[in-house]
Protein backbone atom coordinates (compact mmCIF):
# COMPACT_ATOMS: atom_id res chain seq x y z
CA MET A 1 112.59 273.54 71.80
CA GLU A 2 109.46 271.44 71.57
CA SER A 3 108.23 267.92 71.03
CA CYS A 4 104.71 266.69 70.40
CA ARG A 5 103.61 267.12 74.01
CA LEU A 6 106.39 269.16 75.61
CA LYS A 7 107.91 272.58 75.78
CA ILE A 8 111.61 272.10 76.55
CA LEU A 9 112.72 275.41 78.02
CA ALA A 10 115.90 277.08 79.21
CA PRO A 11 116.10 277.53 82.99
CA SER A 12 114.07 280.43 84.35
CA MET A 13 113.32 281.88 87.76
CA ASP A 14 109.65 281.50 86.76
CA HIS A 15 110.10 277.72 87.10
CA ALA A 16 111.91 277.65 90.48
CA SER A 17 108.81 277.23 92.65
CA LEU A 18 107.24 274.80 90.17
CA MET A 19 110.40 272.68 90.18
CA LEU A 20 110.45 272.69 93.99
CA GLU A 21 106.84 271.51 94.04
CA ALA A 22 107.67 268.66 91.61
CA ILE A 23 110.74 267.61 93.61
CA ARG A 24 108.78 267.60 96.87
CA GLU A 25 106.03 265.52 95.25
CA SER A 26 108.61 263.06 93.93
CA LYS A 27 111.03 263.03 96.85
CA VAL A 28 110.67 259.34 97.70
CA GLU A 29 111.20 258.10 94.14
CA LEU A 30 113.97 260.56 93.24
CA SER A 31 115.88 259.94 96.49
CA GLN A 32 116.55 256.32 95.51
CA PHE A 33 119.14 257.34 92.90
CA LEU A 34 119.78 261.11 93.09
CA ASP A 35 121.93 262.35 95.93
CA TRP A 36 121.00 266.03 95.46
CA VAL A 37 117.35 265.59 96.45
CA PRO A 38 117.71 266.23 100.22
CA PHE A 39 119.51 269.49 99.42
CA ALA A 40 116.85 270.69 96.98
CA LEU A 41 113.81 270.71 99.23
CA THR A 42 113.81 274.33 100.43
CA GLU A 43 112.73 277.47 98.64
CA GLU A 44 116.16 279.04 99.23
CA GLU A 45 118.00 276.08 97.66
CA SER A 46 115.57 275.97 94.75
CA LEU A 47 116.25 279.63 93.97
CA LYS A 48 120.03 279.18 94.27
CA ASN A 49 119.93 276.08 92.09
CA THR A 50 117.89 277.85 89.43
CA GLU A 51 120.23 280.87 89.47
CA ARG A 52 123.20 278.52 89.01
CA ALA A 53 121.40 276.74 86.15
CA ILE A 54 120.72 280.07 84.42
CA THR A 55 124.37 281.12 84.78
CA ASN A 56 125.61 277.75 83.47
CA PHE A 57 123.24 278.02 80.52
CA GLU A 58 124.34 281.57 79.66
CA LYS A 59 128.06 280.69 79.94
CA PHE A 60 127.75 277.21 78.38
CA GLU A 61 129.35 275.62 81.48
CA ASP A 62 128.82 272.44 83.49
CA GLU A 63 125.23 271.59 82.55
CA LEU A 64 122.53 272.96 80.29
CA ARG A 65 119.38 272.21 82.26
CA PHE A 66 116.05 272.30 80.45
CA SER A 67 112.63 272.46 82.09
CA LEU A 68 109.98 270.09 80.81
CA VAL A 69 106.52 271.65 80.64
CA GLU A 70 103.46 269.86 79.33
CA LYS A 71 102.02 271.88 76.42
CA VAL A 72 98.33 271.24 77.10
CA SER A 73 98.21 271.74 80.88
CA GLY A 74 101.28 273.92 81.47
CA CYS A 75 102.32 271.49 84.21
CA PHE A 76 106.02 271.49 85.17
CA LEU A 77 107.07 267.85 84.70
CA GLY A 78 110.79 267.72 85.47
CA THR A 79 114.13 268.47 83.88
CA VAL A 80 116.55 267.12 81.32
CA GLY A 81 120.16 268.14 81.69
CA LEU A 82 122.81 268.14 79.02
CA ILE A 83 126.00 267.80 81.03
CA ILE A 84 129.07 269.14 79.26
CA ARG A 85 131.77 266.48 79.60
CA ASP A 86 134.29 267.79 77.05
CA LYS A 87 133.77 270.86 74.85
CA GLU A 88 136.68 269.98 72.57
CA ILE A 89 135.32 266.62 71.38
CA PRO A 90 132.30 267.65 71.96
CA PHE A 91 130.98 265.04 74.40
CA PHE A 92 127.84 265.30 76.54
CA GLU A 93 125.85 263.27 79.05
CA ILE A 94 122.09 263.42 79.37
CA GLY A 95 120.51 263.25 82.82
CA TYR A 96 116.82 263.52 83.68
CA TRP A 97 114.08 263.24 86.25
CA ILE A 98 110.29 263.42 86.05
CA ARG A 99 107.70 264.16 88.69
CA SER A 100 106.19 260.96 90.05
CA SER A 101 102.61 261.71 89.03
CA HIS A 102 103.68 261.78 85.35
CA ALA A 103 106.22 258.94 85.32
CA GLY A 104 105.63 256.16 82.83
CA SER A 105 103.94 258.42 80.26
CA GLY A 106 106.85 258.61 77.82
CA TYR A 107 107.70 262.24 78.52
CA VAL A 108 111.34 261.55 79.36
CA THR A 109 111.84 259.46 76.23
CA GLU A 110 110.30 262.26 74.17
CA ALA A 111 112.53 264.89 75.82
CA VAL A 112 115.73 262.82 75.50
CA LYS A 113 115.18 262.47 71.75
CA VAL A 114 114.87 266.25 71.37
CA ILE A 115 117.92 266.99 73.56
CA GLU A 116 119.97 264.34 71.75
CA LYS A 117 119.11 265.88 68.37
CA TYR A 118 120.08 269.30 69.72
CA ALA A 119 123.42 267.93 70.99
CA PHE A 120 124.31 266.28 67.68
CA ASP A 121 122.85 268.80 65.23
CA GLU A 122 123.37 272.15 66.99
CA LEU A 123 126.33 271.51 69.30
CA GLY A 124 128.26 269.12 67.02
CA ALA A 125 128.40 266.32 69.58
CA ARG A 126 130.51 263.31 68.70
CA ARG A 127 129.34 261.37 71.76
CA VAL A 128 126.27 261.47 74.00
CA GLU A 129 125.91 259.12 76.93
CA ILE A 130 123.33 258.25 79.53
CA LYS A 131 124.54 256.70 82.79
CA MET A 132 122.54 255.19 85.61
CA ALA A 133 122.80 252.94 88.63
CA VAL A 134 122.31 249.27 87.72
CA GLY A 135 119.07 249.15 89.70
CA ASN A 136 117.52 252.16 87.97
CA HIS A 137 115.36 250.14 85.58
CA LYS A 138 113.21 253.08 84.47
CA SER A 139 116.24 255.10 83.40
CA ARG A 140 117.69 252.09 81.63
CA ALA A 141 114.42 251.65 79.72
CA VAL A 142 114.58 255.27 78.53
CA ALA A 143 118.13 254.79 77.19
CA GLU A 144 117.12 251.60 75.39
CA ARG A 145 113.91 253.08 73.93
CA CYS A 146 115.99 255.97 72.57
CA GLY A 147 118.38 253.56 70.85
CA TYR A 148 121.43 253.99 73.08
CA GLU A 149 123.90 251.12 73.12
CA LEU A 150 125.09 249.61 76.38
CA GLU A 151 128.86 250.08 76.31
CA GLY A 152 129.65 248.68 79.70
CA ILE A 153 129.13 248.47 83.41
CA PHE A 154 131.50 250.09 85.90
CA ARG A 155 131.31 247.71 88.83
CA ASN A 156 131.10 249.01 92.39
CA ASP A 157 131.91 252.58 91.36
CA ARG A 158 129.14 254.57 93.06
CA LYS A 159 127.34 254.97 96.33
CA LEU A 160 123.59 255.30 96.27
CA PRO A 161 121.94 257.89 98.53
CA ASP A 162 121.10 255.13 101.05
CA GLY A 163 124.81 254.29 101.33
CA GLN A 164 124.79 251.04 99.34
CA VAL A 165 127.56 250.50 96.82
CA SER A 166 126.26 250.06 93.28
CA SER A 167 127.50 249.78 89.71
CA THR A 168 126.98 252.20 86.82
CA MET A 169 125.61 251.27 83.41
CA VAL A 170 126.93 253.39 80.53
CA TYR A 171 124.85 253.77 77.38
CA ALA A 172 126.03 255.89 74.45
CA LYS A 173 125.47 257.08 70.91
CA THR A 174 128.28 258.40 68.78
CA LYS A 175 128.55 260.30 65.56
CA PRO A 176 131.50 259.44 63.31
C-alpha cells in the first residue's frame, strides 16, 4: 500500500534492523506510553518480533503490522498495526508509533487513513478503533485529525510503563 509520501509495507526481515534503530532513537518518547519498548531494544528481540509479525501477517492472526517507509529517502519511520479484535464482526484496532526525528510531520495521520481504508474496504470492517492513554496528546490528535469519534474514557483501567495508573480514551469509526 502507499500514500503520497509513504510506502506501507508488510513485515519483512529486511526491516528488522531498521526498526531496531528507530526504536532505539525514539526510546525515551515511546517508553512514556508503550510497555514493550524495554523488551525491543536488542537485535535478538527485534528479529524474534519481526518473525512473529511475519507469521501473524501470513496467518491473519493477532496483528497485521505494517512498516512505514518514506518514499523519497527510504527511511524507516515506524509502524502501524491493525490489531484483529474480532474476525466475525469484523472489528479492528489501529496502533502506531513513529521515530522521534520524524514526529509531527503528519506521517502517522497519512498512514492511519490508508490502513483504515484497507480495513473497511478490503477486510469488511464494521468497526475500527484507536485507543490511547489520556495523556497521550499526540495520539489523540491523530485520531481526531482522521475523523474518529470519542466514544468514551475508561477510567483508571491501565498502568503506564512508569507505574502510574491512567485512563484510556476510545475513539472509533463504524460502518453500518
